[in-house]
Amino acid sequence: MFRRGRKTHAANRAARTTHYGNPKEVTVAPQKIDPNLTPYGAKKFRTPTHKDEFSGEQGSAMKAVILDIDGTLQTWGQGADAKVLEYCKKHYDQGHVLIVLTARTHDYDYERSFNWLMKNLPYPFIGPFHRACDDPRYASEFKREVAQGFEDMNLYQIVGAADDNTFVNDMWRHWAAQHF
């Protein structure tokens, strides 16, 4: 039954103060947002194909290296591979563009691949480029045709590659013998 003049249990609980104070009165200091960082914590950079750097004329192609993700940049169960990051730094310091190209299908993992790269690859990169879901080509054939497309459009001159797949590495050796 109800008693007059006494608060109910719920009213007593609501009137009690807590050790943490009233959450409505808590003020949060605004965080300083660094304009040089992306939402993933990586440094922002200009796209290497900026209009002032690319004229489209013969011989104006920028030098680039192609990097694989699975087993090359990303080692299983760990972060980025230190040797591959050194390779990236060497080429980035020489002014080469880093192109990330993987044989994963686009629908399978594009967003996760991109987020992982933004978090773990500290250098500007182009990509990641993925295969279409219904693309039946081998990884070596897919990567060779993408690289050839870059050269045919005179966008990039491929000067190196890093991959863990033996067949893809054989294809890159053959590529080097034909192009250099």
N, C-alpha and C. Protein backbone atom coordinates (compact mmCIF):
# COMPACT_ATOMS: atom_id res chain seq x y z
N MET A 1 0.83 -1.18 0.00
CA MET A 1 0.00 0.00 0.00
C MET A 1 0.88 1.25 0.00
N PHE A 2 0.27 2.35 -0.32
CA PHE A 2 1.00 3.61 -0.39
C PHE A 2 0.92 4.34 0.94
N ARG A 3 2.00 4.93 1.34
CA ARG A 3 2.01 5.73 2.57
C ARG A 3 2.15 7.19 2.19
N ARG A 4 1.43 7.99 2.85
CA ARG A 4 1.50 9.42 2.56
C ARG A 4 2.74 10.03 3.21
N GLY A 5 3.32 10.98 2.48
CA GLY A 5 4.44 11.73 3.03
C GLY A 5 5.79 11.03 2.93
N ARG A 6 5.83 9.83 2.45
CA ARG A 6 7.10 9.13 2.31
C ARG A 6 7.42 8.91 0.83
N LYS A 7 8.67 9.00 0.54
CA LYS A 7 9.10 8.77 -0.85
C LYS A 7 9.13 7.28 -1.14
N THR A 8 8.89 6.95 -2.37
CA THR A 8 8.98 5.55 -2.77
C THR A 8 10.45 5.18 -2.93
N HIS A 9 10.69 3.88 -3.03
CA HIS A 9 12.05 3.39 -3.18
C HIS A 9 12.72 3.98 -4.43
N ALA A 10 12.02 4.06 -5.53
CA ALA A 10 12.57 4.61 -6.77
C ALA A 10 12.90 6.09 -6.60
N ALA A 11 12.08 6.81 -5.90
CA ALA A 11 12.34 8.24 -5.67
C ALA A 11 13.57 8.42 -4.79
N ASN A 12 13.74 7.55 -3.79
CA ASN A 12 14.93 7.62 -2.94
C ASN A 12 16.19 7.36 -3.75
N ARG A 13 16.13 6.36 -4.63
CA ARG A 13 17.28 6.02 -5.45
C ARG A 13 17.64 7.17 -6.40
N ALA A 14 16.65 7.81 -6.99
CA ALA A 14 16.90 8.90 -7.92
C ALA A 14 17.45 10.13 -7.20
N ALA A 15 17.07 10.31 -5.94
CA ALA A 15 17.51 11.50 -5.20
C ALA A 15 18.92 11.34 -4.63
N ARG A 16 19.39 10.08 -4.52
CA ARG A 16 20.72 9.84 -3.97
C ARG A 16 21.81 10.36 -4.89
N THR A 17 22.87 10.91 -4.32
CA THR A 17 24.01 11.32 -5.13
C THR A 17 24.96 10.14 -5.24
N THR A 18 25.67 10.09 -6.30
CA THR A 18 26.63 9.01 -6.49
C THR A 18 28.03 9.57 -6.33
N HIS A 19 28.99 8.67 -6.25
CA HIS A 19 30.38 9.09 -6.15
C HIS A 19 30.86 9.76 -7.43
N TYR A 20 30.18 9.47 -8.54
CA TYR A 20 30.62 9.97 -9.84
C TYR A 20 29.92 11.25 -10.25
N GLY A 21 28.97 11.70 -9.48
CA GLY A 21 28.24 12.91 -9.82
C GLY A 21 27.15 12.61 -10.83
N ASN A 22 26.42 13.63 -11.17
CA ASN A 22 25.35 13.48 -12.13
C ASN A 22 25.95 13.47 -13.53
N PRO A 23 25.70 12.45 -14.33
CA PRO A 23 26.31 12.38 -15.65
C PRO A 23 25.92 13.55 -16.55
N LYS A 24 24.79 14.17 -16.30
CA LYS A 24 24.39 15.29 -17.14
C LYS A 24 25.27 16.52 -16.88
N GLU A 25 25.91 16.56 -15.74
CA GLU A 25 26.72 17.72 -15.38
C GLU A 25 28.19 17.55 -15.77
N VAL A 26 28.56 16.37 -16.24
CA VAL A 26 29.95 16.11 -16.60
C VAL A 26 30.27 16.84 -17.89
N THR A 27 31.34 17.58 -17.88
CA THR A 27 31.77 18.25 -19.10
C THR A 27 33.02 17.57 -19.62
N VAL A 28 33.09 17.43 -20.92
CA VAL A 28 34.23 16.79 -21.55
C VAL A 28 35.01 17.86 -22.31
N ALA A 29 36.30 17.90 -22.06
CA ALA A 29 37.13 18.86 -22.76
C ALA A 29 37.19 18.48 -24.24
N PRO A 30 37.04 19.44 -25.14
CA PRO A 30 37.11 19.10 -26.56
C PRO A 30 38.49 18.60 -26.94
N GLN A 31 38.52 17.55 -27.77
CA GLN A 31 39.79 16.99 -28.19
C GLN A 31 40.36 17.83 -29.33
N LYS A 32 41.67 17.99 -29.30
CA LYS A 32 42.33 18.69 -30.39
C LYS A 32 42.49 17.72 -31.55
N ILE A 33 42.00 18.12 -32.70
CA ILE A 33 42.08 17.27 -33.88
C ILE A 33 43.26 17.74 -34.72
N ASP A 34 44.16 16.82 -34.98
CA ASP A 34 45.33 17.15 -35.80
C ASP A 34 44.92 17.12 -37.26
N PRO A 35 44.99 18.26 -37.97
CA PRO A 35 44.57 18.28 -39.37
C PRO A 35 45.49 17.48 -40.29
N ASN A 36 46.66 17.08 -39.79
CA ASN A 36 47.60 16.33 -40.62
C ASN A 36 47.39 14.82 -40.52
N LEU A 37 46.40 14.38 -39.73
CA LEU A 37 46.15 12.94 -39.57
C LEU A 37 44.80 12.57 -40.14
N THR A 38 44.72 11.37 -40.67
CA THR A 38 43.45 10.84 -41.14
C THR A 38 42.71 10.26 -39.94
N PRO A 39 41.45 9.87 -40.10
CA PRO A 39 40.73 9.26 -38.98
C PRO A 39 41.39 7.97 -38.48
N TYR A 40 42.28 7.37 -39.28
CA TYR A 40 42.93 6.13 -38.90
C TYR A 40 44.26 6.38 -38.19
N GLY A 41 44.65 7.64 -38.03
CA GLY A 41 45.88 7.96 -37.33
C GLY A 41 47.09 8.07 -38.25
N ALA A 42 46.91 7.86 -39.56
CA ALA A 42 48.02 7.96 -40.49
C ALA A 42 48.15 9.41 -40.97
N LYS A 43 49.33 9.78 -41.39
CA LYS A 43 49.54 11.13 -41.89
C LYS A 43 48.88 11.31 -43.24
N LYS A 44 48.27 12.48 -43.45
CA LYS A 44 47.66 12.79 -44.73
C LYS A 44 48.76 13.09 -45.74
N PHE A 45 48.48 12.84 -47.00
CA PHE A 45 49.45 13.12 -48.04
C PHE A 45 48.72 13.47 -49.32
N ARG A 46 49.43 14.15 -50.19
CA ARG A 46 48.88 14.46 -51.51
C ARG A 46 48.97 13.23 -52.39
N THR A 47 48.02 13.05 -53.24
CA THR A 47 48.07 11.94 -54.19
C THR A 47 49.26 12.15 -55.12
N PRO A 48 50.11 11.14 -55.28
CA PRO A 48 51.31 11.31 -56.12
C PRO A 48 51.01 11.64 -57.58
N THR A 49 49.78 11.46 -58.06
CA THR A 49 49.47 11.80 -59.44
C THR A 49 48.88 13.20 -59.51
N HIS A 50 49.39 14.10 -58.72
CA HIS A 50 48.94 15.48 -58.71
C HIS A 50 49.14 16.09 -60.09
N LYS A 51 48.25 16.98 -60.51
CA LYS A 51 48.29 17.50 -61.88
C LYS A 51 49.61 18.18 -62.24
N ASP A 52 50.30 18.77 -61.25
CA ASP A 52 51.56 19.44 -61.55
C ASP A 52 52.70 18.43 -61.78
N GLU A 53 52.51 17.20 -61.32
CA GLU A 53 53.57 16.20 -61.41
C GLU A 53 53.41 15.28 -62.62
N PHE A 54 52.26 15.34 -63.28
CA PHE A 54 52.00 14.42 -64.38
C PHE A 54 51.60 15.20 -65.62
N SER A 55 52.36 15.07 -66.67
CA SER A 55 52.06 15.81 -67.89
C SER A 55 51.43 14.92 -68.95
N GLY A 56 51.58 13.59 -68.82
CA GLY A 56 51.03 12.68 -69.81
C GLY A 56 51.91 12.50 -71.02
N GLU A 57 53.01 13.23 -71.09
CA GLU A 57 53.92 13.11 -72.23
C GLU A 57 54.76 11.85 -72.09
N GLN A 58 55.29 11.38 -73.21
CA GLN A 58 56.15 10.21 -73.20
C GLN A 58 57.34 10.46 -72.28
N GLY A 59 57.63 9.51 -71.41
CA GLY A 59 58.75 9.64 -70.49
C GLY A 59 58.42 10.38 -69.21
N SER A 60 57.14 10.81 -69.04
CA SER A 60 56.78 11.54 -67.83
C SER A 60 56.22 10.62 -66.75
N ALA A 61 56.15 9.33 -67.02
CA ALA A 61 55.61 8.39 -66.04
C ALA A 61 56.47 8.38 -64.78
N MET A 62 55.80 8.35 -63.65
CA MET A 62 56.50 8.30 -62.37
C MET A 62 56.94 6.87 -62.09
N LYS A 63 58.09 6.71 -61.46
CA LYS A 63 58.57 5.38 -61.11
C LYS A 63 57.77 4.87 -59.93
N ALA A 64 57.46 3.57 -59.95
CA ALA A 64 56.62 2.99 -58.91
C ALA A 64 57.06 1.56 -58.60
N VAL A 65 56.72 1.12 -57.39
CA VAL A 65 56.91 -0.28 -57.00
C VAL A 65 55.55 -0.84 -56.63
N ILE A 66 55.37 -2.12 -56.87
CA ILE A 66 54.11 -2.79 -56.57
C ILE A 66 54.31 -3.68 -55.35
N LEU A 67 53.38 -3.58 -54.41
CA LEU A 67 53.45 -4.32 -53.16
C LEU A 67 52.22 -5.21 -53.01
N ASP A 68 52.44 -6.40 -52.52
CA ASP A 68 51.35 -7.32 -52.20
C ASP A 68 50.98 -7.13 -50.73
N ILE A 69 49.77 -7.52 -50.35
CA ILE A 69 49.35 -7.39 -48.95
C ILE A 69 49.59 -8.70 -48.19
N ASP A 70 48.85 -9.74 -48.55
CA ASP A 70 48.86 -11.00 -47.79
C ASP A 70 50.21 -11.69 -47.85
N GLY A 71 50.83 -11.85 -46.70
CA GLY A 71 52.10 -12.56 -46.61
C GLY A 71 53.30 -11.71 -46.98
N THR A 72 53.08 -10.50 -47.47
CA THR A 72 54.19 -9.62 -47.84
C THR A 72 54.19 -8.42 -46.90
N LEU A 73 53.28 -7.47 -47.12
CA LEU A 73 53.16 -6.35 -46.18
C LEU A 73 52.61 -6.82 -44.84
N GLN A 74 51.58 -7.63 -44.91
CA GLN A 74 50.90 -8.10 -43.70
C GLN A 74 51.32 -9.54 -43.43
N THR A 75 52.05 -9.73 -42.33
CA THR A 75 52.43 -11.08 -41.95
C THR A 75 51.33 -11.65 -41.06
N TRP A 76 51.07 -12.91 -41.19
CA TRP A 76 49.93 -13.53 -40.52
C TRP A 76 50.09 -13.48 -39.00
N GLY A 77 49.08 -12.92 -38.34
CA GLY A 77 49.07 -12.86 -36.89
C GLY A 77 49.95 -11.78 -36.30
N GLN A 78 50.58 -10.99 -37.16
CA GLN A 78 51.47 -9.93 -36.69
C GLN A 78 51.14 -8.66 -37.45
N GLY A 79 51.89 -7.63 -37.21
CA GLY A 79 51.69 -6.36 -37.92
C GLY A 79 52.40 -6.38 -39.26
N ALA A 80 52.86 -5.23 -39.66
CA ALA A 80 53.55 -5.11 -40.94
C ALA A 80 54.94 -5.72 -40.84
N ASP A 81 55.39 -6.32 -41.92
CA ASP A 81 56.70 -6.95 -41.98
C ASP A 81 57.78 -5.87 -42.02
N ALA A 82 58.76 -5.94 -41.12
CA ALA A 82 59.80 -4.92 -41.00
C ALA A 82 60.66 -4.82 -42.27
N LYS A 83 61.00 -5.96 -42.89
CA LYS A 83 61.83 -5.93 -44.10
C LYS A 83 61.10 -5.24 -45.25
N VAL A 84 59.82 -5.51 -45.36
CA VAL A 84 59.05 -4.89 -46.44
C VAL A 84 58.89 -3.39 -46.18
N LEU A 85 58.72 -3.01 -44.91
CA LEU A 85 58.64 -1.58 -44.59
C LEU A 85 59.95 -0.87 -44.91
N GLU A 86 61.09 -1.54 -44.70
CA GLU A 86 62.39 -0.97 -45.09
C GLU A 86 62.45 -0.79 -46.62
N TYR A 87 61.95 -1.80 -47.33
CA TYR A 87 61.89 -1.74 -48.80
C TYR A 87 61.03 -0.54 -49.23
N CYS A 88 59.88 -0.36 -48.56
CA CYS A 88 58.99 0.77 -48.87
C CYS A 88 59.69 2.09 -48.60
N LYS A 89 60.37 2.19 -47.46
CA LYS A 89 61.06 3.43 -47.10
C LYS A 89 62.14 3.77 -48.13
N LYS A 90 62.90 2.75 -48.54
CA LYS A 90 63.97 2.96 -49.53
C LYS A 90 63.40 3.55 -50.82
N HIS A 91 62.31 2.95 -51.31
CA HIS A 91 61.74 3.44 -52.56
C HIS A 91 61.01 4.77 -52.38
N TYR A 92 60.36 4.96 -51.25
CA TYR A 92 59.68 6.23 -51.00
C TYR A 92 60.70 7.37 -50.93
N ASP A 93 61.84 7.12 -50.30
CA ASP A 93 62.89 8.13 -50.21
C ASP A 93 63.49 8.46 -51.58
N GLN A 94 63.42 7.51 -52.50
CA GLN A 94 63.91 7.75 -53.87
C GLN A 94 62.86 8.43 -54.74
N GLY A 95 61.68 8.68 -54.17
CA GLY A 95 60.62 9.36 -54.91
C GLY A 95 59.71 8.44 -55.68
N HIS A 96 59.78 7.15 -55.42
CA HIS A 96 58.92 6.20 -56.13
C HIS A 96 57.54 6.13 -55.47
N VAL A 97 56.54 5.86 -56.27
CA VAL A 97 55.16 5.70 -55.79
C VAL A 97 54.98 4.26 -55.34
N LEU A 98 54.32 4.07 -54.20
CA LEU A 98 54.02 2.72 -53.71
C LEU A 98 52.60 2.37 -54.16
N ILE A 99 52.49 1.29 -54.93
CA ILE A 99 51.19 0.83 -55.41
C ILE A 99 50.89 -0.50 -54.73
N VAL A 100 49.76 -0.58 -54.05
CA VAL A 100 49.37 -1.81 -53.38
C VAL A 100 48.39 -2.55 -54.28
N LEU A 101 48.75 -3.77 -54.60
CA LEU A 101 48.00 -4.59 -55.55
C LEU A 101 47.86 -5.98 -54.95
N THR A 102 46.63 -6.45 -54.77
CA THR A 102 46.42 -7.75 -54.17
C THR A 102 45.49 -8.60 -55.02
N ALA A 103 45.64 -9.91 -54.93
CA ALA A 103 44.78 -10.82 -55.69
C ALA A 103 43.49 -11.13 -54.92
N ARG A 104 43.30 -10.52 -53.78
CA ARG A 104 42.02 -10.66 -53.07
C ARG A 104 40.91 -10.11 -53.95
N THR A 105 39.70 -10.64 -53.75
CA THR A 105 38.59 -10.07 -54.51
C THR A 105 38.11 -8.80 -53.84
N HIS A 106 37.61 -7.88 -54.64
CA HIS A 106 37.21 -6.57 -54.15
C HIS A 106 36.11 -6.67 -53.09
N ASP A 107 35.09 -7.45 -53.34
CA ASP A 107 33.98 -7.55 -52.39
C ASP A 107 34.39 -8.23 -51.10
N TYR A 108 35.41 -9.06 -51.18
CA TYR A 108 35.81 -9.83 -50.00
C TYR A 108 36.36 -8.95 -48.89
N ASP A 109 37.27 -8.06 -49.23
CA ASP A 109 37.98 -7.38 -48.15
C ASP A 109 38.53 -6.00 -48.46
N TYR A 110 37.94 -5.25 -49.36
CA TYR A 110 38.54 -3.96 -49.71
C TYR A 110 38.63 -3.03 -48.50
N GLU A 111 37.54 -2.86 -47.78
CA GLU A 111 37.54 -1.91 -46.66
C GLU A 111 38.52 -2.31 -45.57
N ARG A 112 38.55 -3.58 -45.23
CA ARG A 112 39.48 -4.04 -44.20
C ARG A 112 40.93 -3.88 -44.66
N SER A 113 41.21 -4.16 -45.94
CA SER A 113 42.55 -3.98 -46.48
C SER A 113 42.97 -2.52 -46.41
N PHE A 114 42.08 -1.64 -46.85
CA PHE A 114 42.39 -0.21 -46.85
C PHE A 114 42.64 0.30 -45.43
N ASN A 115 41.78 -0.07 -44.50
CA ASN A 115 41.96 0.38 -43.11
C ASN A 115 43.27 -0.14 -42.53
N TRP A 116 43.61 -1.39 -42.82
CA TRP A 116 44.86 -1.95 -42.31
C TRP A 116 46.05 -1.19 -42.89
N LEU A 117 46.01 -0.88 -44.17
CA LEU A 117 47.10 -0.14 -44.80
C LEU A 117 47.23 1.26 -44.22
N MET A 118 46.10 1.94 -44.00
CA MET A 118 46.14 3.29 -43.43
C MET A 118 46.75 3.29 -42.04
N LYS A 119 46.53 2.22 -41.32
CA LYS A 119 47.05 2.13 -39.95
C LYS A 119 48.51 1.69 -39.90
N ASN A 120 48.91 0.80 -40.80
CA ASN A 120 50.22 0.15 -40.69
C ASN A 120 51.27 0.55 -41.73
N LEU A 121 50.87 1.16 -42.82
CA LEU A 121 51.84 1.56 -43.85
C LEU A 121 52.07 3.07 -43.71
N PRO A 122 53.23 3.47 -43.18
CA PRO A 122 53.44 4.89 -42.87
C PRO A 122 53.81 5.77 -44.06
N TYR A 123 53.73 5.24 -45.26
CA TYR A 123 54.10 6.00 -46.44
C TYR A 123 52.88 6.15 -47.36
N PRO A 124 52.84 7.20 -48.16
CA PRO A 124 51.73 7.35 -49.11
C PRO A 124 51.70 6.18 -50.09
N PHE A 125 50.51 5.77 -50.44
CA PHE A 125 50.37 4.65 -51.38
C PHE A 125 49.17 4.88 -52.27
N ILE A 126 49.14 4.15 -53.37
CA ILE A 126 48.02 4.15 -54.29
C ILE A 126 47.37 2.78 -54.16
N GLY A 127 46.06 2.74 -54.04
CA GLY A 127 45.37 1.47 -53.94
C GLY A 127 44.66 1.30 -52.62
N PRO A 128 44.38 0.13 -52.23
CA PRO A 128 44.75 -1.16 -52.83
C PRO A 128 43.86 -1.52 -54.03
N PHE A 129 44.48 -2.11 -55.02
CA PHE A 129 43.75 -2.60 -56.18
C PHE A 129 43.45 -4.07 -55.96
N HIS A 130 42.19 -4.45 -56.17
CA HIS A 130 41.72 -5.83 -55.96
C HIS A 130 41.17 -6.39 -57.27
N ARG A 131 41.08 -7.71 -57.31
CA ARG A 131 40.43 -8.37 -58.45
C ARG A 131 38.92 -8.25 -58.32
N ALA A 132 38.23 -8.30 -59.44
CA ALA A 132 36.77 -8.39 -59.41
C ALA A 132 36.39 -9.78 -58.91
N CYS A 133 35.20 -9.89 -58.37
CA CYS A 133 34.75 -11.18 -57.79
C CYS A 133 34.73 -12.31 -58.81
N ASP A 134 34.39 -12.01 -60.05
CA ASP A 134 34.28 -13.06 -61.06
C ASP A 134 35.52 -13.16 -61.95
N ASP A 135 36.64 -12.62 -61.49
CA ASP A 135 37.88 -12.64 -62.27
C ASP A 135 38.58 -13.98 -62.08
N PRO A 136 38.68 -14.80 -63.12
CA PRO A 136 39.26 -16.14 -62.98
C PRO A 136 40.78 -16.19 -63.16
N ARG A 137 41.42 -15.06 -63.43
CA ARG A 137 42.86 -15.07 -63.71
C ARG A 137 43.68 -15.45 -62.48
N TYR A 138 44.86 -16.02 -62.74
CA TYR A 138 45.81 -16.28 -61.67
C TYR A 138 46.32 -14.95 -61.13
N ALA A 139 46.86 -14.95 -59.93
CA ALA A 139 47.37 -13.72 -59.32
C ALA A 139 48.48 -13.12 -60.18
N SER A 140 49.36 -13.96 -60.72
CA SER A 140 50.46 -13.44 -61.54
C SER A 140 49.95 -12.77 -62.81
N GLU A 141 48.95 -13.35 -63.43
CA GLU A 141 48.39 -12.78 -64.66
C GLU A 141 47.67 -11.47 -64.35
N PHE A 142 46.89 -11.45 -63.28
CA PHE A 142 46.18 -10.24 -62.88
C PHE A 142 47.15 -9.09 -62.61
N LYS A 143 48.19 -9.36 -61.84
CA LYS A 143 49.14 -8.31 -61.47
C LYS A 143 49.94 -7.81 -62.67
N ARG A 144 50.31 -8.73 -63.57
CA ARG A 144 51.04 -8.33 -64.76
C ARG A 144 50.18 -7.42 -65.63
N GLU A 145 48.90 -7.76 -65.80
CA GLU A 145 48.03 -6.95 -66.65
C GLU A 145 47.74 -5.58 -66.05
N VAL A 146 47.63 -5.49 -64.73
CA VAL A 146 47.43 -4.19 -64.09
C VAL A 146 48.69 -3.33 -64.26
N ALA A 147 49.85 -3.93 -64.02
CA ALA A 147 51.10 -3.20 -64.19
C ALA A 147 51.29 -2.75 -65.64
N GLN A 148 50.96 -3.62 -66.59
CA GLN A 148 51.07 -3.26 -68.01
C GLN A 148 50.12 -2.12 -68.34
N GLY A 149 48.94 -2.13 -67.73
CA GLY A 149 47.98 -1.04 -67.95
C GLY A 149 48.51 0.29 -67.46
N PHE A 150 49.18 0.29 -66.30
CA PHE A 150 49.79 1.52 -65.79
C PHE A 150 50.85 2.05 -66.76
N GLU A 151 51.65 1.15 -67.29
CA GLU A 151 52.70 1.57 -68.22
C GLU A 151 52.12 1.99 -69.57
N ASP A 152 51.10 1.29 -70.04
CA ASP A 152 50.49 1.65 -71.33
C ASP A 152 49.86 3.04 -71.27
N MET A 153 49.30 3.42 -70.13
CA MET A 153 48.69 4.74 -69.97
C MET A 153 49.74 5.80 -69.65
N ASN A 154 50.99 5.37 -69.51
CA ASN A 154 52.10 6.27 -69.20
C ASN A 154 51.91 6.95 -67.83
N LEU A 155 51.26 6.25 -66.90
CA LEU A 155 51.10 6.78 -65.55
C LEU A 155 52.30 6.45 -64.68
N TYR A 156 52.67 5.17 -64.67
CA TYR A 156 53.77 4.71 -63.81
C TYR A 156 54.70 3.80 -64.59
N GLN A 157 55.97 3.89 -64.26
CA GLN A 157 56.97 2.96 -64.76
C GLN A 157 57.30 2.04 -63.59
N ILE A 158 56.97 0.77 -63.70
CA ILE A 158 57.17 -0.17 -62.61
C ILE A 158 58.66 -0.53 -62.54
N VAL A 159 59.29 -0.22 -61.40
CA VAL A 159 60.72 -0.46 -61.24
C VAL A 159 61.02 -1.51 -60.17
N GLY A 160 60.00 -2.03 -59.50
CA GLY A 160 60.23 -3.05 -58.48
C GLY A 160 58.92 -3.61 -57.97
N ALA A 161 59.03 -4.73 -57.26
CA ALA A 161 57.84 -5.36 -56.70
C ALA A 161 58.25 -6.21 -55.50
N ALA A 162 57.29 -6.37 -54.58
CA ALA A 162 57.49 -7.25 -53.42
C ALA A 162 56.27 -8.15 -53.31
N ASP A 163 56.50 -9.45 -53.34
CA ASP A 163 55.40 -10.42 -53.27
C ASP A 163 55.92 -11.70 -52.63
N ASP A 164 55.03 -12.46 -52.00
CA ASP A 164 55.44 -13.72 -51.36
C ASP A 164 55.12 -14.93 -52.24
N ASN A 165 54.37 -14.75 -53.30
CA ASN A 165 53.95 -15.84 -54.18
C ASN A 165 55.06 -16.14 -55.18
N THR A 166 55.51 -17.40 -55.21
CA THR A 166 56.59 -17.81 -56.09
C THR A 166 56.28 -17.56 -57.56
N PHE A 167 55.06 -17.87 -57.97
CA PHE A 167 54.66 -17.69 -59.37
C PHE A 167 54.63 -16.21 -59.75
N VAL A 168 54.18 -15.37 -58.81
CA VAL A 168 54.16 -13.93 -59.07
C VAL A 168 55.59 -13.38 -59.15
N ASN A 169 56.47 -13.86 -58.28
CA ASN A 169 57.87 -13.41 -58.32
C ASN A 169 58.54 -13.84 -59.63
N ASP A 170 58.22 -15.04 -60.11
CA ASP A 170 58.75 -15.47 -61.41
C ASP A 170 58.26 -14.54 -62.52
N MET A 171 56.99 -14.15 -62.45
CA MET A 171 56.44 -13.23 -63.44
C MET A 171 57.16 -11.89 -63.37
N TRP A 172 57.46 -11.37 -62.16
CA TRP A 172 58.15 -10.08 -62.03
C TRP A 172 59.58 -10.18 -62.58
N ARG A 173 60.25 -11.33 -62.40
CA ARG A 173 61.59 -11.50 -62.97
C ARG A 173 61.52 -11.45 -64.50
N HIS A 174 60.51 -12.11 -65.06
CA HIS A 174 60.30 -12.09 -66.51
C HIS A 174 59.99 -10.67 -66.96
N TRP A 175 59.18 -9.96 -66.20
CA TRP A 175 58.82 -8.55 -66.48
C TRP A 175 60.09 -7.69 -66.54
N ALA A 176 60.95 -7.87 -65.55
CA ALA A 176 62.20 -7.08 -65.48
C ALA A 176 63.08 -7.37 -66.69
N ALA A 177 63.15 -8.63 -67.10
CA ALA A 177 63.99 -8.99 -68.25
C ALA A 177 63.45 -8.35 -69.52
N GLN A 178 62.14 -8.20 -69.64
CA GLN A 178 61.55 -7.61 -70.84
C GLN A 178 61.62 -6.08 -70.83
N HIS A 179 61.54 -5.46 -69.67
CA HIS A 179 61.40 -4.01 -69.60
C HIS A 179 62.67 -3.23 -69.30
N PHE A 180 63.72 -3.93 -68.90
CA PHE A 180 64.93 -3.17 -68.51
C PHE A 180 66.13 -3.62 -69.30
